[in-house]
Amino acid sequence: MKPITIDALLTGTVRPLGDSGRDSGIDKHPVAQRLWLGAEGLRGDEQADRRFHGGPEKALHHYAREHYPAWQAELGERAVLQAPGAFGENISTQGMTEADVCVGDVFRAGTALIQVSQARQPCWKLDHRFARRGMAARVQASGMTGWYYRVLQEGWLCAGDTLTLSERPHAQWPLARVQDVLNRRVLEADVLHALAALPELSPNWRALFEKRAQAGQVEDWTRRLQGDVDAPTSQER
């Protein structure tokens, strides 16, 4: 994989999320200056619910800008899609998607070293972000979710830096294939066990695949995808 330029580096603070009655750090905006990337993310970036967002296994969220035209075609013109940050990403690039990135890939990013830990599992906050009920489920089904990194070596990062692949321990496991198992080939025991055994996959996902293989059933995603199903989404259309 050739080096990929970071088009935008984004951070956000916790603030009310539309009319959801909840707070969120999903509203990210580009920053021009270089930022320190520590073990739990970029300096100045915030997450409202640390049970499910942020932390060492989700220190950075990367979203492919080339997915934006597909969303514009599906949803129509929306202000949130006019600039990077629509999906709460910290890194925006063109030239790499879930089909190109593999579990455990290690990238030199600025002076830091980062490793792909898992794909994103979208939650109900995207429904409010896009003022569209069912948006989180659409993102999950599309596979255009983005992915997370853990930080192997802290350092400085800014827009214009490059992501340079330095290690690829699991070329057989691009994130698109992992998502296929997660969302479609849901109960193939041998594949589930193989994923659960990947040391570079985030512990939560390894546990998820192992539990699924042992129980022979898929998790109930209703609460993650819909949240409070009776809550409105502002300007829903």
C-alpha atoms as a PDB file:
ATOM      1  CA  MET A   1       0.000   0.000   0.000  1.00  0.00           C
ATOM      2  CA  LYS A   2       1.378   3.399  -0.957  1.00  0.00           C
ATOM      3  CA  PRO A   3       1.544   6.146   1.706  1.00  0.00           C
ATOM      4  CA  ILE A   4      -1.778   7.939   2.195  1.00  0.00           C
ATOM      5  CA  THR A   5      -2.025  11.634   3.057  1.00  0.00           C
ATOM      6  CA  ILE A   6      -4.172  12.699   5.989  1.00  0.00           C
ATOM      7  CA  ASP A   7      -6.536  15.251   4.447  1.00  0.00           C
ATOM      8  CA  ALA A   8      -8.015  16.327   7.767  1.00  0.00           C
ATOM      9  CA  LEU A   9      -7.340  15.750  11.446  1.00  0.00           C
ATOM     10  CA  LEU A  10     -10.442  16.328  13.551  1.00  0.00           C
ATOM     11  CA  THR A  11     -11.409  16.729  17.190  1.00  0.00           C
ATOM     12  CA  GLY A  12     -14.566  17.633  19.068  1.00  0.00           C
ATOM     13  CA  THR A  13     -15.875  18.501  22.503  1.00  0.00           C
ATOM     14  CA  VAL A  14     -18.845  17.020  24.308  1.00  0.00           C
ATOM     15  CA  ARG A  15     -22.056  18.930  23.635  1.00  0.00           C
ATOM     16  CA  PRO A  16     -25.812  18.233  23.380  1.00  0.00           C
ATOM     17  CA  LEU A  17     -26.729  15.981  20.462  1.00  0.00           C
ATOM     18  CA  GLY A  18     -29.685  17.548  18.660  1.00  0.00           C
ATOM     19  CA  ASP A  19     -32.912  16.897  20.516  1.00  0.00           C
ATOM     20  CA  SER A  20     -31.817  13.492  21.786  1.00  0.00           C
ATOM     21  CA  GLY A  21     -31.484  14.699  25.361  1.00  0.00           C
ATOM     22  CA  ARG A  22     -27.999  13.211  25.442  1.00  0.00           C
ATOM     23  CA  ASP A  23     -24.482  14.584  25.113  1.00  0.00           C
ATOM     24  CA  SER A  24     -21.962  13.431  22.505  1.00  0.00           C
ATOM     25  CA  GLY A  25     -18.518  14.192  21.151  1.00  0.00           C
ATOM     26  CA  ILE A  26     -19.489  13.106  17.616  1.00  0.00           C
ATOM     27  CA  ASP A  27     -19.389  16.671  16.242  1.00  0.00           C
ATOM     28  CA  LYS A  28     -15.740  16.779  15.084  1.00  0.00           C
ATOM     29  CA  HIS A  29     -14.067  19.632  13.213  1.00  0.00           C
ATOM     30  CA  PRO A  30     -10.734  19.917  11.375  1.00  0.00           C
ATOM     31  CA  VAL A  31      -7.788  21.417  13.224  1.00  0.00           C
ATOM     32  CA  ALA A  32      -4.826  22.990  11.467  1.00  0.00           C
ATOM     33  CA  GLN A  33      -2.172  22.628  14.164  1.00  0.00           C
ATOM     34  CA  ARG A  34      -0.314  19.467  15.015  1.00  0.00           C
ATOM     35  CA  LEU A  35      -1.739  17.537  17.974  1.00  0.00           C
ATOM     36  CA  TRP A  36      -0.248  15.134  20.468  1.00  0.00           C
ATOM     37  CA  LEU A  37      -1.545  11.597  20.029  1.00  0.00           C
ATOM     38  CA  GLY A  38      -1.508   9.751  23.326  1.00  0.00           C
ATOM     39  CA  ALA A  39      -2.563   6.258  24.271  1.00  0.00           C
ATOM     40  CA  GLU A  40      -6.234   7.293  24.513  1.00  0.00           C
ATOM     41  CA  GLY A  41      -6.444   9.647  21.575  1.00  0.00           C
ATOM     42  CA  LEU A  42      -5.764  13.165  20.357  1.00  0.00           C
ATOM     43  CA  ARG A  43      -5.204  15.928  22.858  1.00  0.00           C
ATOM     44  CA  GLY A  44      -8.377  18.021  23.059  1.00  0.00           C
ATOM     45  CA  ASP A  45     -10.691  15.338  21.675  1.00  0.00           C
ATOM     46  CA  GLU A  46     -13.592  14.284  23.905  1.00  0.00           C
ATOM     47  CA  GLN A  47     -16.106  11.439  24.170  1.00  0.00           C
ATOM     48  CA  ALA A  48     -19.298  11.594  26.231  1.00  0.00           C
ATOM     49  CA  ASP A  49     -19.776   7.906  27.021  1.00  0.00           C
ATOM     50  CA  ARG A  50     -16.443   6.281  27.737  1.00  0.00           C
ATOM     51  CA  ARG A  51     -18.048   2.874  28.115  1.00  0.00           C
ATOM     52  CA  PHE A  52     -18.433   2.621  24.347  1.00  0.00           C
ATOM     53  CA  HIS A  53     -16.301   5.399  22.847  1.00  0.00           C
ATOM     54  CA  GLY A  54     -12.641   6.272  23.149  1.00  0.00           C
ATOM     55  CA  GLY A  55     -10.091   4.409  25.240  1.00  0.00           C
ATOM     56  CA  PRO A  56      -6.912   2.591  24.185  1.00  0.00           C
ATOM     57  CA  GLU A  57      -8.589   0.285  21.649  1.00  0.00           C
ATOM     58  CA  LYS A  58     -10.500   3.172  20.036  1.00  0.00           C
ATOM     59  CA  ALA A  59      -7.948   5.954  20.308  1.00  0.00           C
ATOM     60  CA  LEU A  60      -8.521   7.165  16.738  1.00  0.00           C
ATOM     61  CA  HIS A  61     -11.476   6.796  14.391  1.00  0.00           C
ATOM     62  CA  HIS A  62     -10.633   6.825  10.663  1.00  0.00           C
ATOM     63  CA  TYR A  63     -13.273   7.315   7.962  1.00  0.00           C
ATOM     64  CA  ALA A  64     -12.734   7.140   4.219  1.00  0.00           C
ATOM     65  CA  ARG A  65     -13.764  10.370   2.492  1.00  0.00           C
ATOM     66  CA  GLU A  66     -14.482   8.457  -0.714  1.00  0.00           C
ATOM     67  CA  HIS A  67     -17.604   7.053   0.984  1.00  0.00           C
ATOM     68  CA  TYR A  68     -19.191  10.508   1.143  1.00  0.00           C
ATOM     69  CA  PRO A  69     -20.486  10.591  -2.473  1.00  0.00           C
ATOM     70  CA  ALA A  70     -22.299   7.287  -1.908  1.00  0.00           C
ATOM     71  CA  TRP A  71     -24.035   8.721   1.150  1.00  0.00           C
ATOM     72  CA  GLN A  72     -24.935  11.900  -0.714  1.00  0.00           C
ATOM     73  CA  ALA A  73     -26.451   9.813  -3.502  1.00  0.00           C
ATOM     74  CA  GLU A  74     -28.467   7.790  -0.992  1.00  0.00           C
ATOM     75  CA  LEU A  75     -29.522  10.557   1.385  1.00  0.00           C
ATOM     76  CA  GLY A  76     -29.493  13.630  -0.823  1.00  0.00           C
ATOM     77  CA  GLU A  77     -27.564  16.819  -0.158  1.00  0.00           C
ATOM     78  CA  ARG A  78     -27.014  17.337   3.542  1.00  0.00           C
ATOM     79  CA  ALA A  79     -24.968  19.990   5.254  1.00  0.00           C
ATOM     80  CA  VAL A  80     -23.276  17.435   7.478  1.00  0.00           C
ATOM     81  CA  LEU A  81     -21.767  15.746   4.397  1.00  0.00           C
ATOM     82  CA  GLN A  82     -20.199  18.890   2.994  1.00  0.00           C
ATOM     83  CA  ALA A  83     -17.001  18.532   5.028  1.00  0.00           C
ATOM     84  CA  PRO A  84     -15.071  15.790   6.852  1.00  0.00           C
ATOM     85  CA  GLY A  85     -16.363  14.879  10.293  1.00  0.00           C
ATOM     86  CA  ALA A  86     -19.888  13.724   9.438  1.00  0.00           C
ATOM     87  CA  PHE A  87     -19.275  10.356  11.075  1.00  0.00           C
ATOM     88  CA  GLY A  88     -17.322  11.614  14.056  1.00  0.00           C
ATOM     89  CA  GLU A  89     -13.993  10.651  12.545  1.00  0.00           C
ATOM     90  CA  ASN A  90     -10.604  11.871  13.741  1.00  0.00           C
ATOM     91  CA  ILE A  91      -8.812  11.076  10.482  1.00  0.00           C
ATOM     92  CA  SER A  92     -10.115  11.686   6.970  1.00  0.00           C
ATOM     93  CA  THR A  93      -8.301  10.358   3.900  1.00  0.00           C
ATOM     94  CA  GLN A  94      -8.814   9.256   0.331  1.00  0.00           C
ATOM     95  CA  GLY A  95      -7.141   6.143  -0.997  1.00  0.00           C
ATOM     96  CA  MET A  96      -7.920   3.496   1.620  1.00  0.00           C
ATOM     97  CA  THR A  97     -11.179   1.871   2.679  1.00  0.00           C
ATOM     98  CA  GLU A  98     -12.304  -1.128   4.713  1.00  0.00           C
ATOM     99  CA  ALA A  99     -11.393  -3.311   1.720  1.00  0.00           C
ATOM    100  CA  ASP A 100      -7.767  -2.153   1.859  1.00  0.00           C
ATOM    101  CA  VAL A 101      -7.088  -2.155   5.613  1.00  0.00           C
ATOM    102  CA  CYS A 102      -6.484  -5.332   7.604  1.00  0.00           C
ATOM    103  CA  VAL A 103      -6.722  -6.291  11.253  1.00  0.00           C
ATOM    104  CA  GLY A 104      -3.399  -5.523  12.920  1.00  0.00           C
ATOM    105  CA  ASP A 105      -2.038  -3.238  10.207  1.00  0.00           C
ATOM    106  CA  VAL A 106       0.602  -0.949  11.696  1.00  0.00           C
ATOM    107  CA  PHE A 107       1.040   2.546  10.259  1.00  0.00           C
ATOM    108  CA  ARG A 108       3.586   5.254  10.848  1.00  0.00           C
ATOM    109  CA  ALA A 109       1.478   8.388  11.277  1.00  0.00           C
ATOM    110  CA  GLY A 110       3.454  11.583  11.803  1.00  0.00           C
ATOM    111  CA  THR A 111       5.820  10.676  14.626  1.00  0.00           C
ATOM    112  CA  ALA A 112       3.359   8.156  16.104  1.00  0.00           C
ATOM    113  CA  LEU A 113       2.846   4.472  15.423  1.00  0.00           C
ATOM    114  CA  ILE A 114      -0.744   3.190  15.263  1.00  0.00           C
ATOM    115  CA  GLN A 115      -2.398  -0.204  14.723  1.00  0.00           C
ATOM    116  CA  VAL A 116      -5.804  -1.168  13.352  1.00  0.00           C
ATOM    117  CA  SER A 117      -7.793  -2.712  16.206  1.00  0.00           C
ATOM    118  CA  GLN A 118     -11.327  -3.167  14.820  1.00  0.00           C
ATOM    119  CA  ALA A 119     -13.966  -1.772  12.509  1.00  0.00           C
ATOM    120  CA  ARG A 120     -16.543   0.611  13.929  1.00  0.00           C
ATOM    121  CA  GLN A 121     -19.915  -0.609  15.128  1.00  0.00           C
ATOM    122  CA  PRO A 122     -22.203   2.394  14.547  1.00  0.00           C
ATOM    123  CA  CYS A 123     -24.700   3.462  17.200  1.00  0.00           C
ATOM    124  CA  TRP A 124     -27.984   5.360  17.378  1.00  0.00           C
ATOM    125  CA  LYS A 125     -26.216   8.719  17.655  1.00  0.00           C
ATOM    126  CA  LEU A 126     -25.791   8.661  13.875  1.00  0.00           C
ATOM    127  CA  ASP A 127     -29.585   8.789  13.555  1.00  0.00           C
ATOM    128  CA  HIS A 128     -29.546  12.166  15.306  1.00  0.00           C
ATOM    129  CA  ARG A 129     -26.390  13.337  13.581  1.00  0.00           C
ATOM    130  CA  PHE A 130     -28.042  12.815  10.176  1.00  0.00           C
ATOM    131  CA  ALA A 131     -31.630  13.539  11.284  1.00  0.00           C
ATOM    132  CA  ARG A 132     -32.545  10.193   9.753  1.00  0.00           C
ATOM    133  CA  ARG A 133     -34.065   7.306  11.700  1.00  0.00           C
ATOM    134  CA  GLY A 134     -32.276   4.057  10.864  1.00  0.00           C
ATOM    135  CA  MET A 135     -29.036   5.739   9.780  1.00  0.00           C
ATOM    136  CA  ALA A 136     -26.909   3.661  12.160  1.00  0.00           C
ATOM    137  CA  ALA A 137     -28.387   0.453  10.748  1.00  0.00           C
ATOM    138  CA  ARG A 138     -27.756   1.711   7.200  1.00  0.00           C
ATOM    139  CA  VAL A 139     -24.110   2.408   7.995  1.00  0.00           C
ATOM    140  CA  GLN A 140     -23.673  -1.021   9.539  1.00  0.00           C
ATOM    141  CA  ALA A 141     -25.291  -2.796   6.585  1.00  0.00           C
ATOM    142  CA  SER A 142     -23.212  -0.809   4.076  1.00  0.00           C
ATOM    143  CA  GLY A 143     -19.856  -1.784   5.553  1.00  0.00           C
ATOM    144  CA  MET A 144     -18.820   1.871   5.224  1.00  0.00           C
ATOM    145  CA  THR A 145     -18.266   2.216   8.950  1.00  0.00           C
ATOM    146  CA  GLY A 146     -14.683   3.366   9.324  1.00  0.00           C
ATOM    147  CA  TRP A 147     -12.269   1.770  11.758  1.00  0.00           C
ATOM    148  CA  TYR A 148     -10.278   2.324  14.940  1.00  0.00           C
ATOM    149  CA  TYR A 149      -6.613   2.395  15.876  1.00  0.00           C
ATOM    150  CA  ARG A 150      -4.729   1.724  19.079  1.00  0.00           C
ATOM    151  CA  VAL A 151      -1.542   3.730  19.677  1.00  0.00           C
ATOM    152  CA  LEU A 152       1.666   1.716  19.818  1.00  0.00           C
ATOM    153  CA  GLN A 153       3.938   4.744  20.046  1.00  0.00           C
ATOM    154  CA  GLU A 154       2.744   8.189  21.088  1.00  0.00           C
ATOM    155  CA  GLY A 155       3.719  11.160  18.933  1.00  0.00           C
ATOM    156  CA  TRP A 156       2.708  14.257  16.992  1.00  0.00           C
ATOM    157  CA  LEU A 157       0.151  14.192  14.198  1.00  0.00           C
ATOM    158  CA  CYS A 158      -1.284  16.808  11.844  1.00  0.00           C
ATOM    159  CA  ALA A 159      -3.137  17.181   8.560  1.00  0.00           C
ATOM    160  CA  GLY A 160      -0.742  16.671   5.670  1.00  0.00           C
ATOM    161  CA  ASP A 161       1.151  13.880   7.427  1.00  0.00           C
ATOM    162  CA  THR A 162       1.139  10.501   5.754  1.00  0.00           C
ATOM    163  CA  LEU A 163       0.021   7.071   6.870  1.00  0.00           C
ATOM    164  CA  THR A 164       2.733   4.627   5.859  1.00  0.00           C
ATOM    165  CA  LEU A 165       2.131   0.890   6.258  1.00  0.00           C
ATOM    166  CA  SER A 166       4.979  -0.709   8.196  1.00  0.00           C
ATOM    167  CA  GLU A 167       3.534  -4.116   9.180  1.00  0.00           C
ATOM    168  CA  ARG A 168       0.708  -6.342   7.945  1.00  0.00           C
ATOM    169  CA  PRO A 169       0.433  -9.482  10.072  1.00  0.00           C
ATOM    170  CA  HIS A 170      -2.996 -10.587   8.780  1.00  0.00           C
ATOM    171  CA  ALA A 171      -3.332  -9.868   5.086  1.00  0.00           C
ATOM    172  CA  GLN A 172      -6.096 -12.512   4.955  1.00  0.00           C
ATOM    173  CA  TRP A 173      -8.294 -10.396   7.227  1.00  0.00           C
ATOM    174  CA  PRO A 174      -9.216  -7.098   5.562  1.00  0.00           C
ATOM    175  CA  LEU A 175     -11.863  -5.292   7.581  1.00  0.00           C
ATOM    176  CA  ALA A 176     -14.420  -5.828   4.830  1.00  0.00           C
ATOM    177  CA  ARG A 177     -14.087  -9.585   5.356  1.00  0.00           C
ATOM    178  CA  VAL A 178     -14.354  -9.208   9.143  1.00  0.00           C
ATOM    179  CA  GLN A 179     -17.533  -7.160   8.683  1.00  0.00           C
ATOM    180  CA  ASP A 180     -18.935  -9.861   6.408  1.00  0.00           C
ATOM    181  CA  VAL A 181     -18.524 -12.341   9.249  1.00  0.00           C
ATOM    182  CA  LEU A 182     -19.910  -9.885  11.789  1.00  0.00           C
ATOM    183  CA  ASN A 183     -23.032  -8.996   9.804  1.00  0.00           C
ATOM    184  CA  ARG A 184     -23.724 -11.770   7.288  1.00  0.00           C
ATOM    185  CA  ARG A 185     -21.751 -15.006   7.767  1.00  0.00           C
ATOM    186  CA  VAL A 186     -22.728 -14.753  11.388  1.00  0.00           C
ATOM    187  CA  LEU A 187     -22.544 -18.346  12.657  1.00  0.00           C
ATOM    188  CA  GLU A 188     -19.680 -20.045  10.810  1.00  0.00           C
ATOM    189  CA  ALA A 189     -17.949 -21.527  13.843  1.00  0.00           C
ATOM    190  CA  ASP A 190     -14.512 -22.126  12.308  1.00  0.00           C
ATOM    191  CA  VAL A 191     -14.317 -18.539  11.030  1.00  0.00           C
ATOM    192  CA  LEU A 192     -15.538 -17.157  14.351  1.00  0.00           C
ATOM    193  CA  HIS A 193     -12.890 -19.120  16.233  1.00  0.00           C
ATOM    194  CA  ALA A 194     -10.211 -17.897  13.817  1.00  0.00           C
ATOM    195  CA  LEU A 195     -11.148 -14.271  14.469  1.00  0.00           C
ATOM    196  CA  ALA A 196     -11.331 -14.829  18.229  1.00  0.00           C
ATOM    197  CA  ALA A 197      -7.737 -16.089  18.098  1.00  0.00           C
ATOM    198  CA  LEU A 198      -6.295 -12.958  16.424  1.00  0.00           C
ATOM    199  CA  PRO A 199      -4.177 -11.223  19.091  1.00  0.00           C
ATOM    200  CA  GLU A 200      -4.256  -7.907  17.232  1.00  0.00           C
ATOM    201  CA  LEU A 201      -8.050  -7.753  17.160  1.00  0.00           C
ATOM    202  CA  SER A 202      -9.526  -5.700  20.012  1.00  0.00           C
ATOM    203  CA  PRO A 203     -10.337  -7.779  23.130  1.00  0.00           C
ATOM    204  CA  ASN A 204     -14.038  -6.869  22.927  1.00  0.00           C
ATOM    205  CA  TRP A 205     -14.334  -8.168  19.382  1.00  0.00           C
ATOM    206  CA  ARG A 206     -12.381 -11.329  20.168  1.00  0.00           C
ATOM    207  CA  ALA A 207     -14.758 -11.974  23.054  1.00  0.00           C
ATOM    208  CA  LEU A 208     -17.775 -11.240  20.837  1.00  0.00           C
ATOM    209  CA  PHE A 209     -16.725 -13.771  18.189  1.00  0.00           C
ATOM    210  CA  GLU A 210     -15.838 -16.429  20.760  1.00  0.00           C
ATOM    211  CA  LYS A 211     -19.136 -15.988  22.597  1.00  0.00           C
ATOM    212  CA  ARG A 212     -21.046 -16.179  19.322  1.00  0.00           C
ATOM    213  CA  ALA A 213     -19.229 -19.373  18.341  1.00  0.00           C
ATOM    214  CA  GLN A 214     -19.932 -20.981  21.719  1.00  0.00           C
ATOM    215  CA  ALA A 215     -23.569 -19.865  22.010  1.00  0.00           C
ATOM    216  CA  GLY A 216     -24.537 -20.353  18.378  1.00  0.00           C
ATOM    217  CA  GLN A 217     -26.529 -17.139  18.327  1.00  0.00           C
ATOM    218  CA  VAL A 218     -26.104 -13.516  17.312  1.00  0.00           C
ATOM    219  CA  GLU A 219     -26.169 -10.567  19.696  1.00  0.00           C
ATOM    220  CA  ASP A 220     -29.221  -8.313  19.998  1.00  0.00           C
ATOM    221  CA  TRP A 221     -28.137  -4.987  18.454  1.00  0.00           C
ATOM    222  CA  THR A 222     -31.417  -3.131  18.980  1.00  0.00           C
ATOM    223  CA  ARG A 223     -30.242  -0.887  21.806  1.00  0.00           C
ATOM    224  CA  ARG A 224     -26.968   0.015  20.073  1.00  0.00           C
ATOM    225  CA  LEU A 225     -28.596   0.795  16.740  1.00  0.00           C
ATOM    226  CA  GLN A 226     -31.827   2.397  17.937  1.00  0.00           C
ATOM    227  CA  GLY A 227     -31.165   3.664  21.449  1.00  0.00           C
ATOM    228  CA  ASP A 228     -34.434   5.050  22.767  1.00  0.00           C
ATOM    229  CA  VAL A 229     -36.679   3.969  19.899  1.00  0.00           C
ATOM    230  CA  ASP A 230     -39.328   6.488  20.928  1.00  0.00           C
ATOM    231  CA  ALA A 231     -36.987   9.486  20.816  1.00  0.00           C
ATOM    232  CA  PRO A 232     -37.409  11.805  17.786  1.00  0.00           C
ATOM    233  CA  THR A 233     -34.683  12.671  15.346  1.00  0.00           C
ATOM    234  CA  SER A 234     -34.633  16.386  14.661  1.00  0.00           C
ATOM    235  CA  GLN A 235     -35.976  17.411  11.244  1.00  0.00           C
ATOM    236  CA  GLU A 236     -36.493  13.762  10.368  1.00  0.00           C
ATOM    237  CA  ARG A 237     -37.093  13.135   6.694  1.00  0.00           C
END
